[in-house]
Protein backbone atom coordinates (compact mmCIF):
# COMPACT_ATOMS: atom_id res chain seq x y z
CA MET A 1 -45.19 17.67 37.65
CA LYS A 2 -43.69 18.79 34.39
CA PHE A 3 -39.99 18.44 36.10
CA PHE A 4 -41.20 14.14 36.48
CA LEU A 5 -42.07 14.85 32.65
CA SER A 6 -39.25 15.85 31.57
CA ILE A 7 -37.31 13.09 33.22
CA SER A 8 -39.35 10.50 31.68
CA LEU A 9 -38.76 12.12 28.29
CA ILE A 10 -34.72 12.89 28.07
CA LEU A 11 -33.83 8.96 29.96
CA PRO A 12 -34.89 7.08 26.68
CA ALA A 13 -33.78 9.85 24.36
CA LEU A 14 -30.64 9.61 26.05
CA SER A 15 -30.61 5.72 26.20
CA LEU A 16 -31.51 5.86 22.31
CA LEU A 17 -27.99 7.77 21.40
CA CYS A 18 -26.19 5.15 23.92
CA LEU A 19 -27.42 2.53 21.59
CA ILE A 20 -26.71 4.30 18.32
CA SER A 21 -23.25 5.81 19.34
CA GLU A 22 -22.51 1.24 20.31
CA ALA A 23 -23.99 0.38 17.45
CA GLY A 24 -21.53 1.87 15.44
CA ASP A 25 -21.18 4.05 12.00
CA SER A 26 -22.38 2.96 8.65
CA ARG A 27 -20.42 3.38 5.54
CA THR A 28 -21.34 2.54 2.14
CA LEU A 29 -18.39 2.41 -0.04
CA SER A 30 -17.21 1.23 -3.62
CA ARG A 31 -13.93 -0.76 -4.73
CA ASP A 32 -12.24 2.57 -5.45
CA GLU A 33 -13.86 4.64 -2.31
CA ALA A 34 -12.26 2.11 -0.28
CA ILE A 35 -9.07 2.61 -1.44
CA ARG A 36 -9.29 6.18 -1.49
CA LEU A 37 -10.19 6.13 2.37
CA ALA A 38 -7.76 3.62 3.32
CA PHE A 39 -5.06 5.78 1.61
CA SER A 40 -6.71 8.58 4.66
CA ARG A 41 -6.94 6.49 7.24
CA ARG A 42 -4.41 4.05 7.76
CA ALA A 43 -1.80 5.08 10.21
CA ASP A 44 1.11 2.59 8.75
CA LEU A 45 1.12 4.76 5.59
CA ALA A 46 1.05 8.15 7.80
CA ALA A 47 3.88 6.90 9.15
CA ALA A 48 5.67 5.75 5.53
CA ARG A 49 4.95 9.24 3.94
CA ILE A 50 7.04 10.48 6.72
CA THR A 51 9.66 9.04 5.28
CA ILE A 52 9.27 11.92 2.07
CA ASP A 53 9.23 14.51 4.74
CA ARG A 54 12.82 12.81 6.07
CA ALA A 55 14.26 12.86 2.35
CA ALA A 56 12.89 16.46 2.04
CA THR A 57 14.55 17.74 5.15
CA ARG A 58 17.68 16.28 4.58
CA ALA A 59 18.03 17.88 0.96
CA ARG A 60 16.59 21.05 2.19
CA TRP A 61 19.95 21.15 4.61
CA SER A 62 22.40 19.90 2.16
CA GLY A 63 24.66 21.38 0.06
CA ARG A 64 25.79 23.43 2.48
CA LEU A 65 29.64 24.97 3.93
CA GLU A 66 30.98 23.47 6.88
CA ASN A 67 31.13 25.88 9.84
CA PRO A 68 34.16 27.90 10.04
CA THR A 69 36.94 27.38 12.83
CA PHE A 70 37.87 30.46 15.22
CA ASP A 71 42.00 29.59 15.57
CA PHE A 72 43.93 31.58 18.79
CA GLU A 73 47.47 31.33 19.69
CA TYR A 74 49.76 32.51 22.56
CA LYS A 75 52.92 32.54 23.54
CA GLY A 76 55.09 33.95 25.30
CA ASP A 77 58.45 33.79 27.19
CA GLY A 78 58.31 33.10 30.62
CA VAL A 79 59.56 29.99 30.85
CA GLY A 80 63.03 31.32 28.75
CA GLN A 81 64.59 34.77 29.64
CA ALA A 82 61.76 36.05 30.80
CA GLU A 83 62.28 39.30 28.56
CA GLY A 84 58.45 39.73 28.16
CA GLU A 85 58.17 38.77 24.41
CA GLN A 86 54.98 37.58 23.60
CA THR A 87 53.33 36.30 20.59
CA ALA A 88 49.33 36.52 20.15
CA THR A 89 47.33 35.40 17.03
CA ALA A 90 43.59 35.30 15.78
CA GLY A 91 42.14 34.12 13.07
CA PHE A 92 38.93 32.30 10.66
CA SER A 93 39.79 29.00 8.60
CA GLN A 94 37.01 27.68 6.16
CA ARG A 95 37.11 24.70 4.12
CA PHE A 96 36.10 24.68 0.23
CA PRO A 97 35.84 22.38 -2.04
CA ILE A 98 37.45 23.01 -5.42
CA THR A 99 34.78 21.12 -7.00
CA SER A 100 31.21 20.73 -7.18
CA ARG A 101 30.32 18.43 -4.29
CA LEU A 102 27.90 20.76 -2.43
CA LYS A 103 25.60 21.00 -5.92
CA HIS A 104 26.06 16.97 -6.73
CA GLU A 105 25.14 16.43 -3.07
CA LYS A 106 21.74 18.27 -2.99
CA ASN A 107 21.18 16.91 -6.31
CA LEU A 108 21.65 13.16 -4.60
CA ARG A 109 18.95 13.77 -1.34
CA ASN A 110 16.56 15.31 -4.24
CA HIS A 111 16.34 11.98 -5.68
CA GLN A 112 15.99 10.79 -2.22
CA ILE A 113 13.03 11.90 -2.41
CA LEU A 114 11.68 10.56 -5.25
CA LEU A 115 12.94 7.30 -3.50
CA ALA A 116 11.22 7.86 -0.62
CA GLU A 117 8.13 8.68 -2.72
CA ALA A 118 8.08 5.31 -4.59
CA GLU A 119 8.56 3.57 -1.95
CA VAL A 120 5.12 4.63 -0.30
CA ALA A 121 3.45 4.21 -3.62
CA GLU A 122 4.15 0.68 -4.13
CA ARG A 123 3.26 0.12 -0.35
CA GLY A 124 -0.06 1.69 -1.69
CA ARG A 125 -0.36 -0.41 -4.58
CA GLU A 126 -0.20 -3.37 -2.01
CA ILE A 127 -2.99 -2.00 0.51
CA ALA A 128 -4.94 -1.43 -2.63
CA GLY A 129 -4.31 -4.97 -4.25
CA GLU A 130 -5.10 -6.38 -0.57
CA ILE A 131 -8.05 -4.32 -0.29
CA ASP A 132 -9.47 -5.34 -3.96
CA LEU A 133 -9.30 -9.05 -3.34
CA ALA A 134 -10.52 -8.80 0.34
CA LEU A 135 -13.93 -7.03 -1.32
CA ILE A 136 -14.31 -9.54 -3.53
CA ALA A 137 -14.65 -12.10 -0.81
CA LEU A 138 -17.58 -10.73 1.18
CA LEU A 139 -19.36 -9.64 -1.67
CA ALA A 140 -18.62 -13.33 -2.91
CA THR A 141 -19.37 -14.43 0.63
CA ARG A 142 -22.98 -12.27 0.79
CA GLU A 143 -23.93 -13.80 -3.21
CA ARG A 144 -23.64 -17.30 -1.32
CA GLN A 145 -25.57 -16.02 1.62
CA ARG A 146 -28.31 -15.46 -1.17
CA LEU A 147 -27.76 -18.53 -2.44
CA SER A 148 -27.87 -20.33 0.79
CA ARG A 149 -31.29 -18.14 1.96
CA GLU A 150 -33.30 -19.16 -1.37
CA SER A 151 -33.02 -22.95 -1.26
CA LEU A 152 -33.41 -22.76 2.57
CA LYS A 153 -36.75 -20.84 1.61
CA THR A 154 -37.64 -23.78 -0.89
CA THR A 155 -36.56 -26.41 1.19
CA GLN A 156 -39.05 -24.84 3.81
CA GLU A 157 -41.91 -24.63 1.79
CA ILE A 158 -41.36 -28.58 0.48
CA VAL A 159 -41.28 -28.86 4.33
CA SER A 160 -44.71 -27.59 5.13
CA PHE A 161 -46.21 -29.16 1.69
CA LEU A 162 -45.14 -32.39 3.38
CA GLU A 163 -46.08 -31.95 6.26
CA THR A 164 -49.79 -31.11 5.40
CA GLN A 165 -49.36 -34.14 2.74
CA ALA A 166 -48.39 -36.53 6.32
CA GLU A 167 -50.98 -35.21 8.24
CA LYS A 168 -53.47 -36.41 5.48
CA GLY A 169 -51.80 -39.17 5.08
CA GLU A 170 -51.06 -38.05 1.37
CA THR A 171 -47.02 -39.35 2.25
CA SER A 172 -44.68 -41.03 4.18
CA LYS A 173 -42.92 -39.21 7.33
CA LEU A 174 -39.87 -40.43 5.82
CA ASP A 175 -39.98 -37.87 3.57
CA SER A 176 -41.21 -34.79 5.86
CA MET A 177 -38.37 -36.05 8.27
CA GLN A 178 -35.77 -36.28 5.48
CA ALA A 179 -36.90 -32.61 4.06
CA LYS A 180 -36.45 -31.10 7.38
CA LEU A 181 -32.69 -33.05 7.66
CA THR A 182 -32.20 -31.25 4.70
CA ALA A 183 -33.27 -27.82 5.76
CA LYS A 184 -31.28 -28.19 9.41
CA GLY A 185 -28.11 -28.75 7.33
CA LEU A 186 -29.13 -25.63 5.10
CA GLU A 187 -29.29 -23.86 8.40
CA GLN A 188 -26.02 -24.61 9.26
CA ASP A 189 -24.48 -23.40 6.51
CA ARG A 190 -26.23 -20.15 6.38
CA GLU A 191 -24.65 -19.85 9.53
CA ARG A 192 -21.38 -20.34 9.02
CA LEU A 193 -21.55 -18.06 6.07
CA ALA A 194 -22.53 -15.46 8.20
CA LEU A 195 -19.58 -15.86 10.67
CA THR A 196 -17.50 -16.22 7.64
CA GLU A 197 -19.33 -12.72 6.63
CA ARG A 198 -18.04 -11.05 10.02
CA GLN A 199 -14.48 -12.65 9.54
CA GLN A 200 -14.40 -10.79 6.14
CA GLN A 201 -15.61 -7.76 6.81
CA LEU A 202 -13.71 -7.46 9.73
CA GLU A 203 -11.00 -7.87 7.80
CA LEU A 204 -11.95 -5.77 5.26
CA LEU A 205 -12.84 -2.84 7.96
CA ARG A 206 -8.82 -3.32 9.39
CA LEU A 207 -7.69 -2.49 5.58
CA VAL A 208 -9.53 0.28 5.37
CA GLY A 209 -8.96 1.23 8.72
CA LEU A 210 -12.00 1.39 10.24
CA SER A 211 -13.11 1.06 13.35
CA ALA A 212 -14.60 -2.40 13.91
CA SER A 213 -17.91 -1.43 15.13
CA THR A 214 -18.33 -0.23 11.40
CA THR A 215 -21.77 -1.04 9.62
CA LEU A 216 -20.66 -1.57 5.57
CA GLN A 217 -22.43 -1.53 2.76
CA LEU A 218 -21.27 -2.53 -0.60
CA THR A 219 -21.88 -0.49 -3.92
CA ASP A 220 -20.16 -3.50 -6.30
CA SER A 221 -21.77 -6.00 -7.41
CA LEU A 222 -20.05 -9.75 -8.33
CA SER A 223 -21.66 -9.17 -12.18
CA LEU A 224 -19.72 -10.26 -15.60
CA PRO A 225 -19.03 -8.16 -18.56
CA THR A 226 -21.10 -8.64 -21.29
CA SER A 227 -18.09 -8.45 -23.93
CA SER A 228 -14.75 -10.60 -23.38
CA PRO A 229 -12.24 -7.70 -21.81
CA PRO A 230 -8.92 -7.19 -23.78
CA ALA A 231 -6.49 -10.14 -24.30
CA LYS A 232 -3.33 -7.78 -24.00
CA ALA A 233 -1.91 -4.96 -21.49
CA ASP A 234 -0.36 -1.52 -22.46
CA PHE A 235 2.69 -2.27 -21.63
CA ASP A 236 3.65 1.28 -21.61
CA SER A 237 0.78 2.87 -19.64
CA ALA A 238 1.48 -0.05 -17.06
CA LEU A 239 5.22 0.64 -16.31
CA LYS A 240 4.47 4.29 -16.32
CA ARG A 241 1.67 3.76 -13.54
CA ARG A 242 3.74 1.29 -11.72
CA PRO A 243 4.78 2.88 -8.66
CA ASP A 244 7.87 -0.65 -8.44
CA TYR A 245 9.54 0.49 -11.71
CA ALA A 246 9.43 4.54 -10.50
CA LEU A 247 11.70 3.20 -7.66
CA ALA A 248 14.02 1.19 -10.03
CA LEU A 249 14.43 4.00 -12.24
CA ALA A 250 15.10 6.31 -9.24
CA LYS A 251 17.77 3.95 -8.03
CA ILE A 252 19.56 4.32 -11.20
CA ASP A 253 18.99 7.85 -11.41
CA GLU A 254 20.62 8.17 -7.36
CA ALA A 255 23.48 5.62 -8.28
CA LYS A 256 24.74 8.54 -11.44
CA ALA A 257 24.14 10.68 -8.41
CA ALA A 258 26.39 8.89 -6.10
CA LEU A 259 28.80 7.90 -8.76
CA VAL A 260 29.07 11.76 -9.58
CA LEU A 261 29.47 13.11 -5.84
CA GLU A 262 32.28 10.17 -5.67
CA ASN A 263 34.23 11.31 -8.38
CA ALA A 264 33.67 14.92 -7.04
CA LYS A 265 35.30 13.68 -3.50
CA ARG A 266 39.02 12.72 -5.21
CA TRP A 267 39.89 15.96 -4.01
CA GLU A 268 39.95 17.07 -0.84
CA ASP A 269 38.48 20.81 0.37
CA ILE A 270 40.97 22.94 0.77
CA SER A 271 41.01 25.57 3.71
CA VAL A 272 41.85 28.87 3.61
CA SER A 273 42.81 31.08 6.56
CA LEU A 274 42.43 34.40 7.67
CA PHE A 275 44.29 35.87 10.99
CA VAL A 276 45.75 38.63 12.50
CA GLU A 277 49.09 38.34 14.95
CA ASP A 278 50.13 41.12 17.38
CA GLU A 279 53.96 40.66 18.69
CA HIS A 280 55.88 41.97 21.26
CA SER A 281 59.52 41.48 20.98
CA VAL A 282 63.13 42.97 22.19
CA ASP A 283 64.90 44.99 19.42
CA LEU A 284 68.33 45.73 20.23
CA PRO A 285 69.50 48.33 21.24
CA ARG A 286 65.97 49.60 21.35
CA GLY A 287 64.54 47.57 23.76
CA MET A 288 60.92 45.85 23.88
CA ASP A 289 59.30 46.73 20.42
CA LYS A 290 55.28 46.41 19.49
CA ASN A 291 54.02 45.05 15.87
CA THR A 292 51.10 43.73 14.77
CA PHE A 293 51.04 41.50 11.42
CA ALA A 294 47.84 40.14 9.58
CA GLY A 295 47.59 37.82 7.01
CA PHE A 296 46.16 34.53 5.09
CA GLY A 297 46.92 30.87 4.05
CA PHE A 298 45.79 27.94 2.77
CA SER A 299 46.02 24.53 2.71
CA ILE A 300 45.51 22.22 -0.15
CA PRO A 301 45.82 18.18 0.48
CA LEU A 302 47.24 16.48 -2.57
CA PRO A 303 45.68 13.69 -3.92
CA LEU A 304 48.54 11.57 -4.10
CA ARG A 305 47.59 8.14 -2.08
CA GLN A 306 43.61 8.73 -1.92
CA ARG A 307 42.06 9.67 -4.78
CA ASN A 308 38.42 8.58 -3.00
CA GLN A 309 38.48 4.69 -5.54
CA GLU A 310 36.97 2.42 -3.30
CA GLY A 311 33.82 4.71 -2.99
CA ILE A 312 34.12 5.09 -7.00
CA ALA A 313 34.47 1.62 -7.16
CA GLN A 314 31.60 1.09 -5.12
CA ALA A 315 29.38 3.55 -7.02
CA LYS A 316 29.77 2.27 -10.28
CA LEU A 317 28.45 -1.31 -8.60
CA ASP A 318 25.67 0.45 -7.40
CA GLU A 319 24.55 1.83 -10.70
CA GLU A 320 25.61 -1.49 -12.37
CA GLU A 321 22.97 -3.55 -10.05
CA ALA A 322 20.77 -0.62 -10.42
CA GLN A 323 20.94 -1.32 -13.96
CA LYS A 324 20.24 -5.18 -14.10
CA SER A 325 17.44 -4.66 -11.42
CA THR A 326 15.27 -2.72 -13.57
CA GLU A 327 15.54 -4.83 -16.47
CA ALA A 328 14.47 -7.67 -13.28
CA VAL A 329 11.53 -5.33 -12.48
CA ARG A 330 10.41 -4.99 -16.17
CA PHE A 331 10.74 -8.00 -16.99
CA SER A 332 8.64 -8.64 -13.59
CA ILE A 333 5.62 -6.16 -14.62
CA GLN A 334 6.22 -7.60 -18.37
CA SER A 335 4.73 -11.21 -16.72
CA ASP A 336 2.63 -10.26 -14.45
CA CYS A 337 0.73 -7.91 -17.25
CA ASP A 338 0.48 -11.06 -19.40
CA SER A 339 -0.60 -13.56 -17.02
CA ALA A 340 -2.98 -11.87 -15.54
CA TYR A 341 -4.17 -11.15 -18.81
CA ARG A 342 -4.16 -14.01 -19.91
CA SER A 343 -6.09 -15.23 -16.58
CA ARG A 344 -8.61 -12.64 -16.82
CA ILE A 345 -9.82 -13.96 -20.54
CA ASP A 346 -9.91 -17.38 -19.20
CA ALA A 347 -11.93 -17.26 -16.28
CA TRP A 348 -14.38 -14.58 -18.44
CA ASN A 349 -15.08 -17.52 -20.68
CA LEU A 350 -15.75 -19.84 -17.83
CA ALA A 351 -17.86 -17.88 -15.89
CA ARG A 352 -19.98 -16.80 -19.21
CA GLU A 353 -20.56 -20.65 -19.81
CA ALA A 354 -20.70 -21.64 -15.94
CA ALA A 355 -23.63 -18.72 -16.11
CA GLY A 356 -25.19 -20.09 -19.33
CA GLU A 357 -27.47 -22.66 -19.81
CA LEU A 358 -26.88 -24.82 -16.95
CA PRO A 359 -28.51 -22.88 -13.96
CA ALA A 360 -31.51 -21.86 -16.05
CA LEU A 361 -32.59 -25.74 -16.83
CA ALA A 362 -31.73 -26.44 -13.33
CA GLU A 363 -34.09 -24.42 -12.18
CA LYS A 364 -37.20 -25.60 -14.62
CA HIS A 365 -36.11 -28.93 -14.28
CA LEU A 366 -36.87 -28.13 -10.20
CA GLY A 367 -40.30 -26.30 -11.13
CA GLU A 368 -41.17 -29.45 -13.27
CA VAL A 369 -40.28 -31.92 -10.90
CA ARG A 370 -42.04 -30.13 -7.71
CA LYS A 371 -45.39 -29.90 -10.52
CA VAL A 372 -44.81 -33.87 -10.73
CA TYR A 373 -44.42 -34.51 -6.82
CA GLU A 374 -47.46 -32.55 -6.08
CA SER A 375 -49.62 -34.66 -8.14
CA GLY A 376 -48.02 -37.87 -6.76
CA GLU A 377 -45.93 -38.83 -9.95
CA ALA A 378 -42.38 -38.42 -8.36
CA THR A 379 -40.52 -39.24 -5.39
CA TYR A 380 -38.97 -36.56 -2.23
CA ILE A 381 -35.79 -38.00 -3.72
CA GLN A 382 -36.33 -36.60 -7.06
CA VAL A 383 -37.19 -33.44 -5.47
CA SER A 384 -34.16 -33.12 -3.07
CA GLN A 385 -31.73 -33.96 -6.35
CA ALA A 386 -33.44 -31.60 -8.31
CA GLN A 387 -32.91 -29.01 -5.57
CA GLU A 388 -29.19 -29.85 -5.00
CA GLN A 389 -28.42 -29.68 -8.46
CA LEU A 390 -29.79 -26.85 -9.03
CA LEU A 391 -27.70 -25.12 -5.45
CA GLN A 392 -25.17 -26.88 -7.42
CA ALA A 393 -25.51 -25.38 -10.21
CA ARG A 394 -25.76 -21.90 -8.85
CA ARG A 395 -22.51 -22.35 -6.93
CA THR A 396 -20.27 -23.38 -9.37
CA ALA A 397 -21.64 -20.52 -11.20
CA LEU A 398 -20.50 -18.03 -8.17
CA ASP A 399 -17.29 -19.83 -8.17
CA PHE A 400 -16.43 -19.20 -11.55
CA LEU A 401 -17.65 -15.25 -11.30
CA VAL A 402 -15.62 -14.87 -8.38
CA ASP A 403 -12.81 -16.23 -9.65
CA TYR A 404 -13.26 -13.48 -13.23
CA HIS A 405 -13.13 -11.06 -10.34
CA GLN A 406 -9.85 -12.16 -8.47
CA ALA A 407 -8.43 -12.50 -12.02
CA GLU A 408 -9.66 -8.98 -12.75
CA ALA A 409 -8.68 -7.67 -9.30
CA ARG A 410 -5.02 -9.30 -10.19
CA VAL A 411 -5.03 -7.25 -13.64
CA ARG A 412 -5.15 -3.84 -11.51
CA LEU A 413 -2.59 -4.93 -9.39
CA ALA A 414 -0.47 -5.83 -12.24
CA THR A 415 -0.67 -2.22 -14.06
CA GLY A 416 -1.27 -0.31 -10.98
CA ALA A 417 -4.64 0.81 -12.27
CA TYR A 418 -5.66 2.15 -8.58
CA PRO A 419 -6.94 5.79 -7.66
CA SER A 420 -5.12 8.34 -5.72
CA ILE A 421 -1.40 6.78 -6.46
CA SER A 422 0.90 9.53 -8.03
CA THR A 423 4.09 7.36 -9.60
CA PRO A 424 6.94 10.14 -8.88
CA SER A 425 8.42 11.62 -11.74
CA ARG A 426 12.07 11.19 -12.66
CA ASN A 427 12.23 14.67 -14.45
CA SER A 428 10.75 16.27 -10.96
CA SER A 429 14.03 16.03 -9.07
CA LYS A 430 16.19 17.86 -12.39
């Protein structure tokens, strides 16, 4: 009996655990927390960071001498007079640069590490911008759902009132039918917004790197600052935070390091060899004699025709291209900042104006019209118009508020003001 009682208690508990696991995790995130979480969970960013490790590996193994070579040579007179004369030579040879080529090669590889870091940081900035906009879109949809629910609740109250009045014969059934049609339209709008919210939440979960079954709660809200935001960016600070500008500067440093390396390649490596030679030869009149020699040799390529002119010319063009590209990136960042800050100011002014007297006036007007209607001094059409005016005023204020937050997100994108994004320093390669 006790066994069956235990089973009857365990099975419901297991079923409850299964339902909880199927429902997925619940996460509460702010905008910055969502960005940090994406940086730690995104598989594409983890794959991109491998390029940094690859560049570091290349730098670690660069700047080394080539492997030495072992040389062996044997000569005999077996196809000649066959007197037993023979010579065997064994030695080692090593190539050495006569310039600082190996040091410049390692320096170039170190600059390429900075390039890889800047590329990964720039990808992180782009992802952060996408998360910002996706989160704002989700917050806006949830706020639209709230407005729709409030409007639907008001309409349902009117429907209940009209049905009661119609039963008493104090109002027309046509008014009740019209109110029901309005409520039905609001219910469909609510269903459409719920579908939009699910799609936007799935997109945000994808951007953050969370499972699609995760329930997402957001701590941010679409509120409007009481004071006007700054009208001008701190351009120097923005440049320091922008990974694409750090990338452009790193390309200049890489091009300069490559030019130094190509200049060092004007002289090819020399070859130094050490050898030992054992000789058996006939020395008349003494006969067969043996002797051993030791020596060294070297080979120096003469730069008479090839002095790496092509490599140097290409490196100079690469440096010029990097300089001009950096100027273009700087101008683009300046334009992005100016445009984003101007758009934010304009959006703030419009949102403040839209959230001012009009929604409050429309809400007050609806309340007065409903009171007058309940006393029989107004028509339902007037009530419906007042309700529509209030909903439209709130939706307009919300649209302008969303425009402001989207403009603010573009300011963050233009200035690179995101958490967990570290811009590589040019001095770290020296």
